[in-house]
Amino acid sequence: MKELHDYMNYSEYVKYLRDHLNDLTHQVLEIQFRFTPVYEQKLRDISNMPESSSAKTRYRELLTKNLQPAFFKELERARNSIMEISGLLRNSDENTSDLSRLRERIDSVTGNIRKLSQACSAVENLEIVDEKAQEKKRQNADLAAGRLPDFASVFFRNCSSRDMLDKRYKALSKAFHPDTGIGDAAVFVILSQVYEKKKNEVD
């Protein structure tokens, strides 16, 4: 910011401070307008997550109990400071020490706005990730590439003959087949692939 000695007289400097304060007010409004749609979209993203997702509650609490309160705390602080400084400028007399203190206060508002912007960015940068959905996507990619997950090795452990292999496959199929209503289609596909592979090993 400029100093009083940069201006011809006191009145010009007061006008400069008022203009600068107006600029800061516009910055606060712009950040607030930036925050609202982003916050609402993040809430929608969280609401669209499956109820079974363990991350859903964690994300909602992070957003509503941490990030949003932090933003509005800085927003209130910046607004209150701007209103106070605006009143002081209206009632200022030709006292250079008062102006110097006002300039310092305006500098502090700039710091508030920086924190406000950071709080807004924290919400913008919050990546809503459904870990279960991502894991399923990775499993599908592995299946497409012919890679099997580590847990697949336990399906036919200690099955040293074709007869043992067939009996184990029949029992596991009853548990995991999707038509049973309690099965898991992805696990059943993996089970079938491991079974075919094991058949070739014991034949």
Protein backbone atom coordinates (compact mmCIF):
# COMPACT_ATOMS: atom_id res chain seq x y z
CA MET A 1 0.00 0.00 0.00
CA LYS A 2 1.03 3.60 -0.57
CA GLU A 3 2.05 6.01 2.21
CA LEU A 4 0.69 9.46 3.06
CA HIS A 5 3.82 11.16 1.71
CA ASP A 6 3.00 9.74 -1.74
CA TYR A 7 0.04 12.15 -1.95
CA MET A 8 -0.28 15.91 -2.18
CA ASN A 9 -2.59 16.20 0.81
CA TYR A 10 -4.44 14.36 3.53
CA SER A 11 -7.80 14.22 1.70
CA GLU A 12 -6.31 12.50 -1.33
CA TYR A 13 -4.75 9.84 0.88
CA VAL A 14 -8.04 9.21 2.71
CA LYS A 15 -9.73 8.79 -0.67
CA TYR A 16 -7.00 6.30 -1.65
CA LEU A 17 -7.60 4.30 1.55
CA ARG A 18 -11.36 4.28 0.93
CA ASP A 19 -10.88 3.09 -2.64
CA HIS A 20 -8.52 0.39 -1.46
CA LEU A 21 -11.02 -0.69 1.18
CA ASN A 22 -13.72 -0.89 -1.51
CA ASP A 23 -11.46 -3.15 -3.54
CA LEU A 24 -11.03 -5.43 -0.54
CA THR A 25 -14.81 -5.51 -0.04
CA HIS A 26 -15.25 -6.64 -3.65
CA GLN A 27 -12.62 -9.34 -3.14
CA VAL A 28 -14.53 -10.68 -0.14
CA LEU A 29 -17.77 -10.79 -2.14
CA GLU A 30 -16.07 -12.53 -5.05
CA ILE A 31 -14.64 -15.22 -2.75
CA GLN A 32 -18.04 -15.70 -1.11
CA PHE A 33 -19.72 -16.09 -4.52
CA ARG A 34 -16.97 -18.53 -5.48
CA PHE A 35 -17.44 -20.58 -2.31
CA THR A 36 -21.22 -21.13 -2.33
CA PRO A 37 -21.65 -23.17 -5.57
CA VAL A 38 -18.51 -25.20 -4.86
CA TYR A 39 -19.69 -26.04 -1.33
CA GLU A 40 -23.15 -27.05 -2.57
CA GLN A 41 -21.63 -29.25 -5.32
CA LYS A 42 -19.38 -31.01 -2.80
CA LEU A 43 -22.44 -31.71 -0.62
CA ARG A 44 -24.23 -33.19 -3.64
CA ASP A 45 -21.18 -35.34 -4.45
CA ILE A 46 -21.17 -36.68 -0.90
CA SER A 47 -24.94 -37.31 -0.94
CA ASN A 48 -24.54 -39.31 -4.16
CA MET A 49 -22.07 -41.68 -2.52
CA PRO A 50 -23.53 -45.09 -1.55
CA GLU A 51 -24.86 -45.29 1.99
CA SER A 52 -22.54 -48.25 2.53
CA SER A 53 -19.49 -46.10 1.84
CA SER A 54 -17.43 -45.64 4.98
CA ALA A 55 -16.08 -42.39 3.56
CA LYS A 56 -19.50 -40.72 3.24
CA THR A 57 -19.81 -39.70 6.91
CA ARG A 58 -16.14 -38.74 7.09
CA TYR A 59 -16.38 -36.42 4.08
CA ARG A 60 -19.63 -34.84 5.31
CA GLU A 61 -18.14 -34.10 8.74
CA LEU A 62 -14.95 -32.72 7.19
CA LEU A 63 -16.95 -30.40 4.96
CA THR A 64 -19.68 -29.26 7.35
CA LYS A 65 -17.81 -29.28 10.66
CA ASN A 66 -14.34 -28.18 9.59
CA LEU A 67 -14.02 -26.55 6.18
CA GLN A 68 -17.30 -24.61 6.09
CA PRO A 69 -16.96 -23.20 9.66
CA ALA A 70 -13.36 -22.18 8.94
CA PHE A 71 -14.51 -20.30 5.84
CA PHE A 72 -17.32 -18.43 7.57
CA LYS A 73 -15.10 -17.60 10.52
CA GLU A 74 -12.65 -15.82 8.21
CA LEU A 75 -15.54 -14.28 6.25
CA GLU A 76 -17.05 -12.75 9.40
CA ARG A 77 -13.67 -11.53 10.55
CA ALA A 78 -12.96 -9.80 7.23
CA ARG A 79 -16.44 -8.23 7.04
CA ASN A 80 -16.30 -6.90 10.60
CA SER A 81 -12.86 -5.41 10.05
CA ILE A 82 -13.93 -3.72 6.82
CA MET A 83 -17.03 -2.22 8.48
CA GLU A 84 -14.99 -0.97 11.43
CA ILE A 85 -12.30 0.58 9.25
CA SER A 86 -14.93 2.16 7.00
CA GLY A 87 -16.46 3.87 10.05
CA LEU A 88 -13.09 5.07 11.28
CA LEU A 89 -12.31 6.55 7.86
CA ARG A 90 -15.59 8.46 7.82
CA ASN A 91 -14.81 9.97 11.23
CA SER A 92 -11.11 10.56 10.70
CA ASP A 93 -9.53 13.97 11.22
CA GLU A 94 -6.22 15.22 9.92
CA ASN A 95 -4.20 13.09 12.31
CA THR A 96 -1.40 11.28 10.53
CA SER A 97 -0.89 8.81 13.38
CA ASP A 98 -4.55 7.74 13.12
CA LEU A 99 -4.14 7.23 9.39
CA SER A 100 -1.04 5.18 9.96
CA ARG A 101 -2.96 2.88 12.33
CA LEU A 102 -5.82 2.67 9.83
CA ARG A 103 -3.40 1.64 7.11
CA GLU A 104 -2.08 -1.13 9.40
CA ARG A 105 -5.64 -2.29 10.01
CA ILE A 106 -6.29 -2.41 6.27
CA ASP A 107 -3.13 -4.50 5.88
CA SER A 108 -4.53 -6.94 8.43
CA VAL A 109 -7.76 -7.20 6.41
CA THR A 110 -5.63 -8.18 3.42
CA GLY A 111 -4.28 -11.03 5.57
CA ASN A 112 -7.85 -12.03 6.51
CA ILE A 113 -8.82 -12.15 2.85
CA ARG A 114 -5.80 -14.32 2.06
CA LYS A 115 -6.94 -16.81 4.73
CA LEU A 116 -10.50 -16.59 3.41
CA SER A 117 -9.29 -17.47 -0.07
CA GLN A 118 -7.27 -20.38 1.33
CA ALA A 119 -10.36 -21.67 3.18
CA CYS A 120 -12.31 -21.50 -0.08
CA SER A 121 -9.53 -23.31 -1.95
CA ALA A 122 -9.55 -26.08 0.68
CA VAL A 123 -13.18 -26.80 -0.24
CA GLU A 124 -12.49 -26.51 -3.98
CA ASN A 125 -9.57 -28.96 -3.70
CA LEU A 126 -11.48 -31.50 -1.60
CA GLU A 127 -11.58 -34.63 -3.74
CA ILE A 128 -14.64 -36.75 -2.99
CA VAL A 129 -13.51 -40.33 -3.52
CA ASP A 130 -15.56 -43.48 -2.98
CA GLU A 131 -12.85 -45.96 -1.99
CA LYS A 132 -15.05 -49.00 -2.55
CA ALA A 133 -16.00 -47.85 -6.04
CA GLN A 134 -12.35 -47.17 -6.84
CA GLU A 135 -11.33 -50.60 -5.54
CA LYS A 136 -14.00 -52.25 -7.67
CA LYS A 137 -12.77 -50.31 -10.70
CA ARG A 138 -9.21 -51.50 -9.99
CA GLN A 139 -10.42 -55.09 -9.64
CA ASN A 140 -12.25 -54.87 -12.97
CA ALA A 141 -9.12 -53.48 -14.61
CA ASP A 142 -7.08 -56.32 -13.14
CA LEU A 143 -9.58 -58.87 -14.41
CA ALA A 144 -9.53 -57.33 -17.87
CA ALA A 145 -5.75 -57.57 -17.85
CA GLY A 146 -5.81 -61.15 -16.57
CA ARG A 147 -4.45 -60.23 -13.14
CA LEU A 148 -6.03 -61.82 -10.07
CA PRO A 149 -6.21 -60.26 -6.60
CA ASP A 150 -4.15 -61.69 -3.74
CA PHE A 151 -7.17 -63.11 -1.92
CA ALA A 152 -7.94 -65.37 -4.91
CA SER A 153 -5.21 -67.78 -3.78
CA VAL A 154 -7.25 -68.88 -0.74
CA PHE A 155 -10.19 -70.24 -2.79
CA PHE A 156 -8.59 -73.58 -3.59
CA ARG A 157 -5.86 -73.81 -0.99
CA ASN A 158 -4.86 -77.44 -0.25
CA CYS A 159 -6.90 -78.76 -3.19
CA SER A 160 -4.43 -81.25 -4.61
CA SER A 161 -6.79 -83.30 -6.76
CA ARG A 162 -9.44 -82.61 -9.38
CA ASP A 163 -12.13 -84.10 -7.16
CA MET A 164 -11.24 -81.80 -4.25
CA LEU A 165 -11.11 -78.85 -6.64
CA ASP A 166 -14.57 -79.57 -8.07
CA LYS A 167 -16.14 -79.98 -4.63
CA ARG A 168 -14.61 -76.73 -3.40
CA TYR A 169 -15.75 -74.89 -6.53
CA LYS A 170 -19.30 -76.19 -6.13
CA ALA A 171 -19.43 -75.06 -2.49
CA LEU A 172 -17.97 -71.62 -3.24
CA SER A 173 -20.25 -71.14 -6.23
CA LYS A 174 -23.28 -71.54 -3.97
CA ALA A 175 -21.91 -68.82 -1.72
CA PHE A 176 -20.83 -66.30 -4.36
CA HIS A 177 -23.11 -66.82 -7.36
CA PRO A 178 -25.04 -63.56 -8.00
CA ASP A 179 -28.31 -65.46 -8.59
CA THR A 180 -28.42 -66.48 -4.94
CA GLY A 181 -29.28 -62.91 -3.95
CA ILE A 182 -26.43 -62.72 -1.45
CA GLY A 183 -23.57 -63.43 -3.82
CA ASP A 184 -21.04 -61.11 -5.38
CA ALA A 185 -20.74 -61.02 -9.17
CA ALA A 186 -17.17 -59.69 -9.18
CA VAL A 187 -15.95 -62.33 -6.72
CA PHE A 188 -17.76 -65.04 -8.64
CA VAL A 189 -15.96 -64.05 -11.86
CA ILE A 190 -12.62 -64.23 -10.04
CA LEU A 191 -13.57 -67.59 -8.51
CA SER A 192 -14.38 -68.99 -11.94
CA GLN A 193 -11.13 -67.74 -13.41
CA VAL A 194 -9.08 -69.27 -10.59
CA TYR A 195 -10.99 -72.53 -10.95
CA GLU A 196 -10.18 -72.76 -14.66
CA LYS A 197 -6.54 -72.04 -13.93
CA LYS A 198 -6.36 -74.61 -11.12
CA LYS A 199 -8.01 -77.28 -13.30
CA ASN A 200 -5.15 -77.04 -15.74
CA GLU A 201 -2.66 -77.41 -12.88
CA VAL A 202 -4.16 -80.58 -11.38
CA ASP A 203 -5.19 -82.31 -14.62
